Amino acid sequence: MTLRILPLMVGLSVVGLVAWAARTPASLLPAKSPEPLATNNYCDVVTTLDNEFVRQWKERKIAPSPTVDPLIVLRRLSLSLMGTIPSLEEIRKFEADQGPDRLARWTQRYLEDQRFADYFAVRLSRALVGAEVGQLFVFRRDRFNTWLSEQLQQNRPYDQMVREMIAARGLWTGDPATNFITAAVAEETILVNDLAGRTARVFLGQRIDCAECHDHPFAEWKQSQFAGLAACFSETGLSPVGLQDGPRRGPPAAMGESTARQGVAPQVPFEQQAWPDDGTLRERLAAWVTHPDNRRFERATVNRIWGLMFGRPWTEPVDDLPNPPDSALPPDVLDLLGKDFREHGYDLKRLISILAAMQVFQLDSRHPAEERGYSLDEAEAIWATFPLTRLRPEQIIGSMLQAWSIRTMDQNSNLLSRVIRLLREIDFVREYGDYGEDELGEHPGTIPQALLRMNGEFVQQISAAAPGTASGRIAGMAPTEEACLETCFLVTLTRRPNVAEQAHFLPLLEAAGQERGSVVEDIFWSLFNSPEFCWNH
């Protein structure tokens, strides 16, 4: 008897959850504004940076794009910080907030949201430990991501996080920062060459690993410099109590390499004055990487965060920066941001707030370059227009899932919504194609990706005007066809339809009668498959 009743109870619970999610009409969503920022002490640096861009535009005689609609800025902010478009609930609150410094308050609001910490942790971890599965039993990506998320939520200084990742000891489960090291384990061997290369690329923006086998043919790096950097990990090994440091464990060689480098002295390739005398080799390396004199650290961090915010780093590729300019020369943008980053305790949230407040983050992605006598490449090169880049797979599925719901899908959503989101995201990213650790490279769209958005089962499900879905609630509750169409566009594209779009869709809605739901489904499907939905315009 109990076994027969159990499925019925589960079914009733699901129905109850769906009914609860659907009971609030879109028009009645709360519009309370976020709390104002306690302080906004970065106005001076934003003004300095804005003035520097204006100077460059005047020097090149290139006018910038106009400032974009505030809703598009909100969309950019949500995509870059949380991997999803804003919900209709957030849009209503944003538009109701007409106080000063609205964008600064909403940036702060998002930075305090658990979705930011979770999403940014995943983005950073791909650069820090790669995208491979890793060695079973000694690498736990889930623990590492959770640790990163906790650090971001607490706004722990980034230099402290980096020092812990490089020098941490213990078990990869109980001391998750050690996963930065154990990600480079293969068959119980720590691949110190891999660690040296990744440390230089991620934290210093230098591809010194190009000198692993011989002196670099173009850059300044020597094979001896790379070997010395790899030797900084030669004390590190696995033990029954986890990652530990002890006597040097032979040559800093990758698995299968010869042992000809045994006896190479640990050394750093530049800024030798920042190399401390005390501590284990990894502790000394961590102190050197994050030393205030090591300008490469702050510049590399700023360049990577810039890339995560704009979809394209300031300097490409993100892990191969030119040497810092001579101190006698005027500072460039990375230096201006890097100096502020260093002087304010390597505060990532402050850095992100500055980037979001800059004029370049709020420029339109359309630029009439050719009409004014120069190419679009010239305008993009000096950031006179917002760069267009494709959304990552997890951003596309995150946006689709958010467009499925009127309310914000976050850690406070009901359990059913969160479970559906997790399972759907995993399946979609696997089918769509994972970009791996190449976070900021250019990835052209493919025909299979377009077909998945057009014909995929999930797209059909989230477009369906069913009870509880956004399309179903809009179709059933919008008081007019104009309001219905406007809400469809806000939910999917975070903007209102233009005149041409109204002229196309409104007659279809007006002729639908009792079949309005079917037309709304078609509108949702069309907007999901529009190029605009898949780009960070």
Protein backbone atom coordinates (compact mmCIF):
# COMPACT_ATOMS: atom_id res chain seq x y z
CA MET A 1 0.00 0.00 0.00
CA THR A 2 2.79 2.40 0.98
CA LEU A 3 4.61 1.70 -2.28
CA ARG A 4 1.52 2.64 -4.29
CA ILE A 5 0.97 5.87 -2.35
CA LEU A 6 4.59 7.08 -2.67
CA PRO A 7 4.45 7.94 -6.44
CA LEU A 8 1.21 9.81 -5.85
CA MET A 9 2.80 11.86 -3.05
CA VAL A 10 5.79 12.71 -5.24
CA GLY A 11 3.50 13.72 -8.11
CA LEU A 12 1.41 15.95 -5.86
CA SER A 13 4.58 17.58 -4.50
CA VAL A 14 5.79 18.39 -7.99
CA VAL A 15 2.40 19.81 -8.96
CA GLY A 16 2.42 21.90 -5.79
CA LEU A 17 5.86 23.28 -6.54
CA VAL A 18 4.87 24.20 -10.09
CA ALA A 19 1.67 25.86 -8.89
CA TRP A 20 3.61 27.83 -6.26
CA ALA A 21 6.09 29.03 -8.88
CA ALA A 22 3.28 30.13 -11.19
CA ARG A 23 1.04 31.93 -8.74
CA THR A 24 2.52 35.45 -9.01
CA PRO A 25 1.66 37.35 -12.23
CA ALA A 26 4.50 39.04 -14.11
CA SER A 27 2.87 42.44 -13.70
CA LEU A 28 2.84 42.10 -9.89
CA LEU A 29 6.50 41.26 -9.38
CA PRO A 30 8.07 43.33 -6.58
CA ALA A 31 10.04 46.38 -7.62
CA LYS A 32 12.06 47.11 -4.46
CA SER A 33 15.38 48.78 -5.23
CA PRO A 34 18.68 47.37 -3.95
CA GLU A 35 20.26 48.97 -0.92
CA PRO A 36 22.58 51.89 -1.73
CA LEU A 37 26.34 51.38 -1.60
CA ALA A 38 27.95 52.35 1.68
CA THR A 39 30.81 53.99 -0.17
CA ASN A 40 31.89 54.59 -3.73
CA ASN A 41 35.57 55.42 -3.39
CA TYR A 42 36.75 54.54 -6.87
CA CYS A 43 35.36 57.52 -8.79
CA ASP A 44 38.79 59.12 -9.19
CA VAL A 45 40.38 56.11 -10.88
CA VAL A 46 37.33 55.68 -13.16
CA THR A 47 37.62 59.33 -14.19
CA THR A 48 41.35 58.91 -14.85
CA LEU A 49 40.73 55.86 -17.03
CA ASP A 50 37.85 57.48 -18.91
CA ASN A 51 40.04 60.48 -19.62
CA GLU A 52 42.82 58.22 -20.91
CA PHE A 53 40.43 56.62 -23.40
CA VAL A 54 39.14 60.01 -24.50
CA ARG A 55 42.74 61.09 -25.08
CA GLN A 56 43.42 58.03 -27.23
CA TRP A 57 40.24 58.50 -29.26
CA LYS A 58 41.09 62.14 -29.93
CA GLU A 59 44.66 61.25 -30.82
CA ARG A 60 43.47 58.68 -33.36
CA LYS A 61 40.58 60.89 -34.45
CA ILE A 62 38.08 58.10 -33.83
CA ALA A 63 34.79 58.92 -32.14
CA PRO A 64 33.46 56.29 -29.70
CA SER A 65 30.15 54.51 -30.08
CA PRO A 66 27.27 56.13 -28.21
CA THR A 67 26.33 54.92 -24.76
CA VAL A 68 24.01 51.94 -24.89
CA ASP A 69 20.59 51.57 -23.25
CA PRO A 70 20.92 50.86 -19.47
CA LEU A 71 19.11 47.53 -19.86
CA ILE A 72 21.83 46.31 -22.22
CA VAL A 73 24.45 47.31 -19.66
CA LEU A 74 22.52 45.29 -17.07
CA ARG A 75 22.52 42.31 -19.45
CA ARG A 76 26.30 42.60 -19.95
CA LEU A 77 26.83 42.84 -16.21
CA SER A 78 24.67 39.81 -15.47
CA LEU A 79 26.27 37.69 -18.20
CA SER A 80 29.83 38.54 -17.19
CA LEU A 81 29.34 38.15 -13.44
CA MET A 82 26.78 35.34 -13.21
CA GLY A 83 26.71 33.67 -16.61
CA THR A 84 23.05 34.40 -17.28
CA ILE A 85 20.78 37.18 -18.50
CA PRO A 86 18.80 39.12 -15.87
CA SER A 87 15.36 37.87 -14.95
CA LEU A 88 12.18 39.81 -15.56
CA GLU A 89 12.01 40.24 -11.80
CA GLU A 90 15.44 41.93 -11.83
CA ILE A 91 14.56 44.05 -14.86
CA ARG A 92 11.46 45.41 -13.12
CA LYS A 93 13.48 46.25 -10.01
CA PHE A 94 16.24 47.85 -12.06
CA GLU A 95 13.83 50.08 -13.97
CA ALA A 96 12.06 51.06 -10.74
CA ASP A 97 15.39 52.16 -9.26
CA GLN A 98 15.83 55.74 -10.47
CA GLY A 99 18.29 56.88 -7.81
CA PRO A 100 21.82 58.14 -8.50
CA ASP A 101 24.68 55.66 -9.08
CA ARG A 102 22.21 52.96 -10.10
CA LEU A 103 24.77 50.94 -12.05
CA ALA A 104 27.24 51.04 -9.14
CA ARG A 105 24.57 49.75 -6.76
CA TRP A 106 23.56 46.95 -9.08
CA THR A 107 27.17 45.96 -9.64
CA GLN A 108 27.54 45.74 -5.87
CA ARG A 109 24.28 43.78 -5.64
CA TYR A 110 25.52 41.21 -8.15
CA LEU A 111 28.95 40.96 -6.53
CA GLU A 112 27.27 40.05 -3.24
CA ASP A 113 25.09 37.43 -4.94
CA GLN A 114 26.14 33.81 -4.46
CA ARG A 115 25.67 33.30 -8.21
CA PHE A 116 28.65 35.59 -8.84
CA ALA A 117 30.95 33.65 -6.53
CA ASP A 118 29.89 30.28 -7.98
CA TYR A 119 30.12 31.35 -11.62
CA PHE A 120 33.34 33.31 -11.38
CA ALA A 121 34.92 30.44 -9.45
CA VAL A 122 34.25 28.09 -12.37
CA ARG A 123 35.59 30.59 -14.89
CA LEU A 124 38.79 31.16 -12.90
CA SER A 125 39.34 27.49 -12.12
CA ARG A 126 39.52 26.59 -15.79
CA ALA A 127 42.52 28.88 -16.14
CA LEU A 128 44.03 27.78 -12.83
CA VAL A 129 43.76 24.00 -13.13
CA GLY A 130 42.69 23.42 -16.73
CA ALA A 131 39.60 21.59 -17.91
CA GLU A 132 40.84 18.00 -17.82
CA VAL A 133 39.40 15.42 -15.43
CA GLY A 134 42.70 15.11 -13.55
CA GLN A 135 44.24 12.20 -11.68
CA LEU A 136 41.64 10.13 -9.84
CA PHE A 137 41.84 10.28 -6.01
CA VAL A 138 44.33 13.19 -5.84
CA PHE A 139 42.42 15.92 -7.66
CA ARG A 140 38.99 17.22 -6.66
CA ARG A 141 37.73 19.93 -8.97
CA ASP A 142 34.48 20.24 -7.03
CA ARG A 143 36.32 20.98 -3.79
CA PHE A 144 38.60 23.46 -5.55
CA ASN A 145 35.65 25.29 -7.13
CA THR A 146 33.82 25.43 -3.80
CA TRP A 147 36.93 26.83 -2.12
CA LEU A 148 37.33 29.46 -4.84
CA SER A 149 33.66 30.40 -4.51
CA GLU A 150 34.05 30.84 -0.75
CA GLN A 151 37.10 33.06 -1.21
CA LEU A 152 35.27 35.22 -3.76
CA GLN A 153 32.18 35.52 -1.60
CA GLN A 154 34.34 36.67 1.32
CA ASN A 155 36.28 38.98 -1.02
CA ARG A 156 39.56 37.59 0.21
CA PRO A 157 42.56 39.50 -1.25
CA TYR A 158 43.60 37.82 -4.47
CA ASP A 159 47.31 37.76 -3.60
CA GLN A 160 46.49 35.74 -0.49
CA MET A 161 44.47 33.28 -2.54
CA VAL A 162 47.34 32.85 -4.99
CA ARG A 163 49.93 32.32 -2.26
CA GLU A 164 47.77 29.64 -0.71
CA MET A 165 47.27 27.86 -4.04
CA ILE A 166 50.99 27.77 -4.77
CA ALA A 167 52.21 26.86 -1.27
CA ALA A 168 49.35 24.92 0.36
CA ARG A 169 49.96 21.55 2.00
CA GLY A 170 47.57 18.79 3.04
CA LEU A 171 44.82 16.70 1.51
CA TRP A 172 43.05 17.87 -1.62
CA THR A 173 39.72 17.23 0.10
CA GLY A 174 40.33 18.97 3.43
CA ASP A 175 42.76 21.59 2.07
CA PRO A 176 41.20 22.26 -1.35
CA ALA A 177 43.71 24.95 -2.39
CA THR A 178 46.20 22.07 -2.89
CA ASN A 179 44.26 21.04 -5.98
CA PHE A 180 46.17 23.72 -7.89
CA ILE A 181 49.23 21.48 -7.44
CA THR A 182 47.56 18.06 -7.64
CA ALA A 183 45.93 18.98 -10.96
CA ALA A 184 49.43 18.42 -12.35
CA VAL A 185 49.72 14.85 -11.06
CA ALA A 186 49.99 11.89 -13.45
CA GLU A 187 50.59 8.35 -12.21
CA GLU A 188 51.62 9.63 -8.76
CA THR A 189 54.21 11.98 -10.31
CA ILE A 190 53.94 15.74 -9.94
CA LEU A 191 54.67 17.24 -13.34
CA VAL A 192 56.72 20.19 -12.21
CA ASN A 193 57.24 21.47 -15.75
CA ASP A 194 53.47 21.71 -16.18
CA LEU A 195 53.21 23.56 -12.88
CA ALA A 196 55.94 26.00 -13.79
CA GLY A 197 54.34 26.79 -17.13
CA ARG A 198 50.84 27.19 -15.69
CA THR A 199 52.07 29.36 -12.79
CA ALA A 200 53.80 31.76 -15.19
CA ARG A 201 50.90 31.88 -17.66
CA VAL A 202 48.02 32.28 -15.19
CA PHE A 203 49.59 34.52 -12.55
CA LEU A 204 52.18 36.45 -14.55
CA GLY A 205 50.83 36.43 -18.11
CA GLN A 206 54.08 34.95 -19.47
CA ARG A 207 54.50 31.92 -21.72
CA ILE A 208 57.86 30.95 -20.32
CA ASP A 209 57.04 27.28 -20.94
CA CYS A 210 57.88 27.91 -24.59
CA ALA A 211 61.48 27.61 -23.37
CA GLU A 212 60.97 24.17 -21.83
CA CYS A 213 63.06 22.34 -24.45
CA HIS A 214 65.30 25.10 -25.80
CA ASP A 215 65.85 28.84 -25.64
CA HIS A 216 62.84 30.71 -27.00
CA PRO A 217 63.57 31.68 -30.64
CA PHE A 218 61.80 35.07 -30.39
CA ALA A 219 61.22 36.04 -26.76
CA GLU A 220 63.83 36.58 -24.08
CA TRP A 221 63.22 33.31 -22.20
CA LYS A 222 66.05 30.82 -21.79
CA GLN A 223 65.78 27.13 -21.14
CA SER A 224 67.79 27.56 -17.96
CA GLN A 225 65.23 30.08 -16.68
CA PHE A 226 62.38 27.68 -17.21
CA ALA A 227 64.30 24.83 -15.56
CA GLY A 228 65.04 27.04 -12.55
CA LEU A 229 61.37 27.96 -12.19
CA ALA A 230 60.33 24.30 -12.45
CA ALA A 231 62.89 23.43 -9.76
CA CYS A 232 60.88 25.55 -7.32
CA PHE A 233 58.43 22.63 -7.15
CA SER A 234 61.13 19.97 -6.71
CA GLU A 235 60.60 19.67 -2.92
CA THR A 236 56.91 18.85 -3.34
CA GLY A 237 55.51 15.33 -3.24
CA LEU A 238 52.51 13.20 -2.30
CA SER A 239 52.35 11.47 1.07
CA PRO A 240 49.77 9.56 3.13
CA VAL A 241 48.75 12.87 4.71
CA GLY A 242 48.49 14.73 1.43
CA LEU A 243 50.69 17.22 -0.36
CA GLN A 244 53.93 17.92 1.53
CA ASP A 245 57.35 19.51 1.05
CA GLY A 246 60.56 17.70 1.85
CA PRO A 247 64.01 17.03 0.39
CA ARG A 248 64.31 17.73 -3.33
CA ARG A 249 62.87 14.90 -5.36
CA GLY A 250 65.14 14.76 -8.34
CA PRO A 251 64.93 16.51 -11.71
CA PRO A 252 62.25 19.05 -12.57
CA ALA A 253 61.22 16.93 -15.54
CA ALA A 254 57.87 15.98 -16.97
CA MET A 255 56.96 12.32 -16.98
CA GLY A 256 58.99 10.47 -19.60
CA GLU A 257 61.61 13.20 -19.87
CA SER A 258 65.28 12.50 -19.30
CA THR A 259 66.86 13.18 -15.92
CA ALA A 260 69.55 15.41 -17.37
CA ARG A 261 68.30 18.39 -15.34
CA GLN A 262 68.93 16.86 -11.94
CA GLY A 263 70.74 19.41 -9.80
CA VAL A 264 69.26 22.53 -11.44
CA ALA A 265 69.08 25.24 -8.79
CA PRO A 266 65.69 26.84 -8.09
CA GLN A 267 65.62 30.36 -9.49
CA VAL A 268 63.23 32.97 -10.82
CA PRO A 269 63.57 34.51 -14.30
CA PHE A 270 63.11 38.18 -13.33
CA GLU A 271 62.66 40.50 -10.35
CA GLN A 272 65.27 38.54 -8.39
CA GLN A 273 65.17 41.15 -5.60
CA ALA A 274 61.63 39.93 -4.78
CA TRP A 275 62.83 36.34 -4.13
CA PRO A 276 62.83 35.82 -0.32
CA ASP A 277 65.50 33.95 1.63
CA ASP A 278 63.27 32.02 4.03
CA GLY A 279 60.57 29.38 3.71
CA THR A 280 60.02 26.31 1.59
CA LEU A 281 60.64 26.64 -2.12
CA ARG A 282 56.93 26.91 -2.83
CA GLU A 283 56.43 29.50 -0.11
CA ARG A 284 59.27 31.55 -1.55
CA LEU A 285 57.86 31.15 -5.06
CA ALA A 286 54.40 32.24 -3.87
CA ALA A 287 55.90 35.32 -2.20
CA TRP A 288 57.82 36.19 -5.37
CA VAL A 289 54.81 35.77 -7.69
CA THR A 290 52.68 38.13 -5.59
CA HIS A 291 55.41 40.59 -4.55
CA PRO A 292 54.39 44.26 -5.04
CA ASP A 293 57.52 44.78 -7.16
CA ASN A 294 56.38 42.06 -9.56
CA ARG A 295 54.20 44.20 -11.82
CA ARG A 296 53.49 41.24 -14.07
CA PHE A 297 51.23 39.78 -11.38
CA GLU A 298 48.91 42.76 -11.18
CA ARG A 299 48.92 43.32 -14.94
CA ALA A 300 48.13 39.67 -15.69
CA THR A 301 45.28 39.64 -13.17
CA VAL A 302 43.76 42.86 -14.50
CA ASN A 303 44.04 41.60 -18.09
CA ARG A 304 42.25 38.34 -17.26
CA ILE A 305 39.44 40.01 -15.29
CA TRP A 306 39.07 42.54 -18.11
CA GLY A 307 38.61 39.60 -20.47
CA LEU A 308 35.95 38.01 -18.28
CA MET A 309 34.06 41.30 -18.14
CA PHE A 310 34.32 42.32 -21.80
CA GLY A 311 34.58 38.89 -23.44
CA ARG A 312 38.00 39.89 -24.79
CA PRO A 313 41.15 40.72 -22.77
CA TRP A 314 42.83 44.09 -23.02
CA THR A 315 45.90 42.39 -24.51
CA GLU A 316 45.67 39.15 -26.50
CA PRO A 317 46.52 36.41 -25.89
CA VAL A 318 45.63 36.70 -22.22
CA ASP A 319 48.64 34.64 -21.07
CA ASP A 320 51.35 36.23 -23.22
CA LEU A 321 51.65 39.87 -22.18
CA PRO A 322 54.48 42.14 -23.29
CA ASN A 323 56.94 43.24 -20.64
CA PRO A 324 55.72 46.05 -18.38
CA PRO A 325 56.57 49.43 -19.91
CA ASP A 326 59.58 51.29 -18.62
CA SER A 327 58.79 53.39 -15.55
CA ALA A 328 59.93 56.48 -17.46
CA LEU A 329 57.05 56.03 -19.93
CA PRO A 330 53.44 57.06 -19.23
CA PRO A 331 51.51 54.17 -17.65
CA ASP A 332 49.17 52.21 -19.88
CA VAL A 333 45.65 51.09 -18.92
CA LEU A 334 46.88 47.84 -17.36
CA ASP A 335 49.33 49.81 -15.24
CA LEU A 336 46.68 52.28 -14.09
CA LEU A 337 44.31 49.49 -13.10
CA GLY A 338 47.12 47.34 -11.72
CA LYS A 339 48.39 50.13 -9.48
CA ASP A 340 44.91 50.66 -8.03
CA PHE A 341 44.50 46.88 -7.64
CA ARG A 342 47.78 46.66 -5.68
CA GLU A 343 47.22 49.76 -3.56
CA HIS A 344 43.76 48.58 -2.50
CA GLY A 345 44.77 45.15 -1.29
CA TYR A 346 44.26 43.14 -4.50
CA ASP A 347 40.50 43.54 -4.14
CA LEU A 348 38.83 41.69 -7.03
CA LYS A 349 35.38 43.12 -6.35
CA ARG A 350 36.74 46.65 -6.42
CA LEU A 351 38.50 45.92 -9.72
CA ILE A 352 35.29 44.55 -11.23
CA SER A 353 33.32 47.57 -9.97
CA ILE A 354 35.80 49.91 -11.65
CA LEU A 355 35.57 48.06 -14.97
CA ALA A 356 31.76 48.13 -14.91
CA ALA A 357 31.74 51.86 -14.13
CA MET A 358 34.05 52.80 -17.01
CA GLN A 359 32.64 54.45 -20.11
CA VAL A 360 34.00 51.71 -22.38
CA PHE A 361 31.83 49.08 -20.61
CA GLN A 362 28.74 51.11 -21.47
CA LEU A 363 29.42 51.79 -25.16
CA ASP A 364 27.21 50.41 -27.90
CA SER A 365 28.60 47.41 -29.77
CA ARG A 366 27.56 49.04 -33.07
CA HIS A 367 29.92 51.58 -34.56
CA PRO A 368 29.51 53.48 -37.88
CA ALA A 369 33.23 53.17 -38.56
CA GLU A 370 33.24 52.92 -42.33
CA GLU A 371 30.87 55.87 -42.64
CA ARG A 372 33.44 57.99 -40.82
CA GLY A 373 36.45 56.98 -42.92
CA TYR A 374 38.13 54.28 -40.84
CA SER A 375 37.75 50.56 -40.28
CA LEU A 376 35.90 48.81 -37.49
CA ASP A 377 39.18 47.09 -36.56
CA GLU A 378 40.66 50.48 -35.75
CA ALA A 379 37.72 51.34 -33.50
CA GLU A 380 37.89 47.98 -31.72
CA ALA A 381 41.67 48.22 -31.28
CA ILE A 382 41.35 51.30 -29.08
CA TRP A 383 38.09 50.21 -27.41
CA ALA A 384 35.97 52.88 -29.08
CA THR A 385 33.17 50.30 -29.25
CA PHE A 386 32.12 47.38 -27.06
CA PRO A 387 33.58 44.13 -28.47
CA LEU A 388 31.19 41.54 -29.85
CA THR A 389 32.01 37.99 -28.70
CA ARG A 390 30.01 34.78 -28.66
CA LEU A 391 28.58 33.64 -25.37
CA ARG A 392 30.13 30.58 -23.81
CA PRO A 393 28.01 27.40 -23.77
CA GLU A 394 27.23 27.73 -20.06
CA GLN A 395 26.14 31.35 -20.62
CA ILE A 396 23.76 30.27 -23.39
CA ILE A 397 22.15 27.51 -21.36
CA GLY A 398 22.12 29.71 -18.25
CA SER A 399 20.29 32.39 -20.22
CA MET A 400 17.81 29.91 -21.67
CA LEU A 401 17.08 28.53 -18.22
CA GLN A 402 16.59 32.01 -16.78
CA ALA A 403 14.28 32.95 -19.67
CA TRP A 404 12.24 29.87 -18.74
CA SER A 405 11.24 31.61 -15.51
CA ILE A 406 9.79 35.00 -14.65
CA ARG A 407 11.49 34.97 -11.28
CA THR A 408 15.24 35.01 -10.64
CA MET A 409 16.74 31.52 -10.68
CA ASP A 410 19.32 31.53 -7.90
CA GLN A 411 20.23 29.79 -4.65
CA ASN A 412 16.86 30.85 -3.21
CA SER A 413 14.83 29.20 -5.97
CA ASN A 414 12.81 26.12 -5.14
CA LEU A 415 14.64 22.81 -5.17
CA LEU A 416 12.91 21.54 -8.30
CA SER A 417 14.12 24.54 -10.36
CA ARG A 418 17.69 24.17 -9.10
CA VAL A 419 17.82 20.47 -9.86
CA ILE A 420 16.42 21.00 -13.36
CA ARG A 421 18.97 23.75 -14.01
CA LEU A 422 21.91 21.61 -12.89
CA LEU A 423 20.94 18.60 -14.98
CA ARG A 424 20.02 20.63 -18.07
CA GLU A 425 23.23 22.66 -17.94
CA ILE A 426 25.42 19.56 -17.80
CA ASP A 427 23.61 17.92 -20.73
CA PHE A 428 23.52 21.05 -22.87
CA VAL A 429 27.20 21.96 -22.44
CA ARG A 430 28.18 18.39 -23.30
CA GLU A 431 26.12 18.46 -26.50
CA TYR A 432 26.92 22.06 -27.42
CA GLY A 433 30.66 21.64 -26.97
CA ASP A 434 32.86 22.70 -24.06
CA TYR A 435 35.53 25.29 -24.86
CA GLY A 436 37.83 23.88 -22.18
CA GLU A 437 40.38 26.08 -20.47
CA ASP A 438 40.67 28.43 -23.46
CA GLU A 439 38.37 30.87 -21.70
CA LEU A 440 39.03 33.91 -23.82
CA GLY A 441 39.88 32.56 -27.27
CA GLU A 442 37.72 33.07 -30.32
CA HIS A 443 35.35 30.19 -31.04
CA PRO A 444 33.31 30.26 -34.26
CA GLY A 445 29.78 28.97 -34.14
CA THR A 446 29.07 25.59 -35.70
CA ILE A 447 26.15 24.07 -37.59
CA PRO A 448 25.57 21.41 -34.88
CA GLN A 449 25.33 24.17 -32.28
CA ALA A 450 22.76 26.04 -34.37
CA LEU A 451 20.78 22.83 -34.92
CA LEU A 452 20.82 22.09 -31.18
CA ARG A 453 19.29 25.50 -30.45
CA MET A 454 16.76 25.11 -33.26
CA ASN A 455 15.69 21.50 -32.83
CA GLY A 456 16.92 20.47 -29.37
CA GLU A 457 14.38 18.92 -27.04
CA PHE A 458 15.17 21.37 -24.26
CA VAL A 459 14.57 24.43 -26.45
CA GLN A 460 11.17 23.02 -27.34
CA GLN A 461 10.38 22.46 -23.65
CA ILE A 462 11.37 25.91 -22.41
CA SER A 463 9.52 27.60 -25.29
CA ALA A 464 6.32 25.74 -24.50
CA ALA A 465 3.54 27.91 -23.05
CA ALA A 466 2.89 25.55 -20.15
CA PRO A 467 1.75 26.43 -16.61
CA GLY A 468 4.69 27.80 -14.64
CA THR A 469 6.91 28.66 -17.62
CA ALA A 470 7.60 32.24 -18.57
CA SER A 471 5.96 31.86 -21.97
CA GLY A 472 2.87 30.28 -20.43
CA ARG A 473 2.47 32.98 -17.80
CA ILE A 474 3.03 35.78 -20.31
CA ALA A 475 0.51 34.29 -22.74
CA GLY A 476 -2.09 33.88 -20.01
CA MET A 477 -1.64 37.10 -18.05
CA ALA A 478 -0.40 39.89 -20.34
CA PRO A 479 -3.31 42.38 -20.57
CA THR A 480 -2.63 43.45 -24.17
CA GLU A 481 -0.81 42.13 -27.21
CA GLU A 482 1.68 45.01 -26.90
CA ALA A 483 2.44 44.08 -23.29
CA CYS A 484 2.70 40.41 -24.26
CA LEU A 485 5.26 41.10 -27.00
CA GLU A 486 7.23 43.54 -24.86
CA THR A 487 7.51 41.03 -22.02
CA CYS A 488 8.68 38.27 -24.38
CA PHE A 489 11.52 40.51 -25.55
CA LEU A 490 12.45 41.61 -22.04
CA VAL A 491 12.60 38.02 -20.79
CA THR A 492 14.80 36.77 -23.63
CA LEU A 493 16.79 39.74 -25.00
CA THR A 494 16.59 42.21 -22.07
CA ARG A 495 15.18 44.92 -24.30
CA ARG A 496 11.91 46.04 -25.83
CA PRO A 497 10.99 45.30 -29.46
CA ASN A 498 11.75 47.93 -32.07
CA VAL A 499 9.24 49.29 -34.57
CA ALA A 500 10.01 46.67 -37.25
CA GLU A 501 9.68 43.82 -34.75
CA GLN A 502 6.37 45.18 -33.50
CA ALA A 503 5.10 45.44 -37.05
CA HIS A 504 5.98 41.79 -37.63
CA PHE A 505 4.82 40.12 -34.41
CA LEU A 506 1.82 42.17 -33.24
CA PRO A 507 -0.47 41.16 -36.14
CA LEU A 508 0.28 37.52 -35.34
CA LEU A 509 -0.69 38.03 -31.70
CA GLU A 510 -3.78 40.02 -32.61
CA ALA A 511 -4.99 37.28 -34.96
CA ALA A 512 -4.23 34.48 -32.48
CA GLY A 513 -7.32 34.78 -30.31
CA GLN A 514 -7.49 31.73 -28.04
CA GLU A 515 -4.26 30.44 -29.60
CA ARG A 516 -2.10 33.20 -28.14
CA GLY A 517 0.01 30.59 -26.34
CA SER A 518 1.10 29.02 -29.62
CA VAL A 519 2.20 32.39 -31.02
CA VAL A 520 4.14 33.17 -27.82
CA GLU A 521 5.88 29.80 -28.14
CA ASP A 522 6.93 30.71 -31.68
CA ILE A 523 8.18 34.11 -30.54
CA PHE A 524 10.25 32.54 -27.78
CA TRP A 525 11.72 29.99 -30.19
CA SER A 526 12.58 32.75 -32.69
CA LEU A 527 14.29 34.89 -30.06
CA PHE A 528 16.25 31.96 -28.62
CA ASN A 529 17.59 31.27 -32.11
CA SER A 530 18.34 34.86 -33.04
CA PRO A 531 22.04 35.82 -33.31
CA GLU A 532 21.41 38.53 -30.71
CA PHE A 533 20.62 35.95 -28.03
CA CYS A 534 24.01 34.22 -28.45
CA TRP A 535 26.30 37.28 -28.36
CA ASN A 536 27.42 39.64 -25.61
CA HIS A 537 26.26 42.77 -27.46
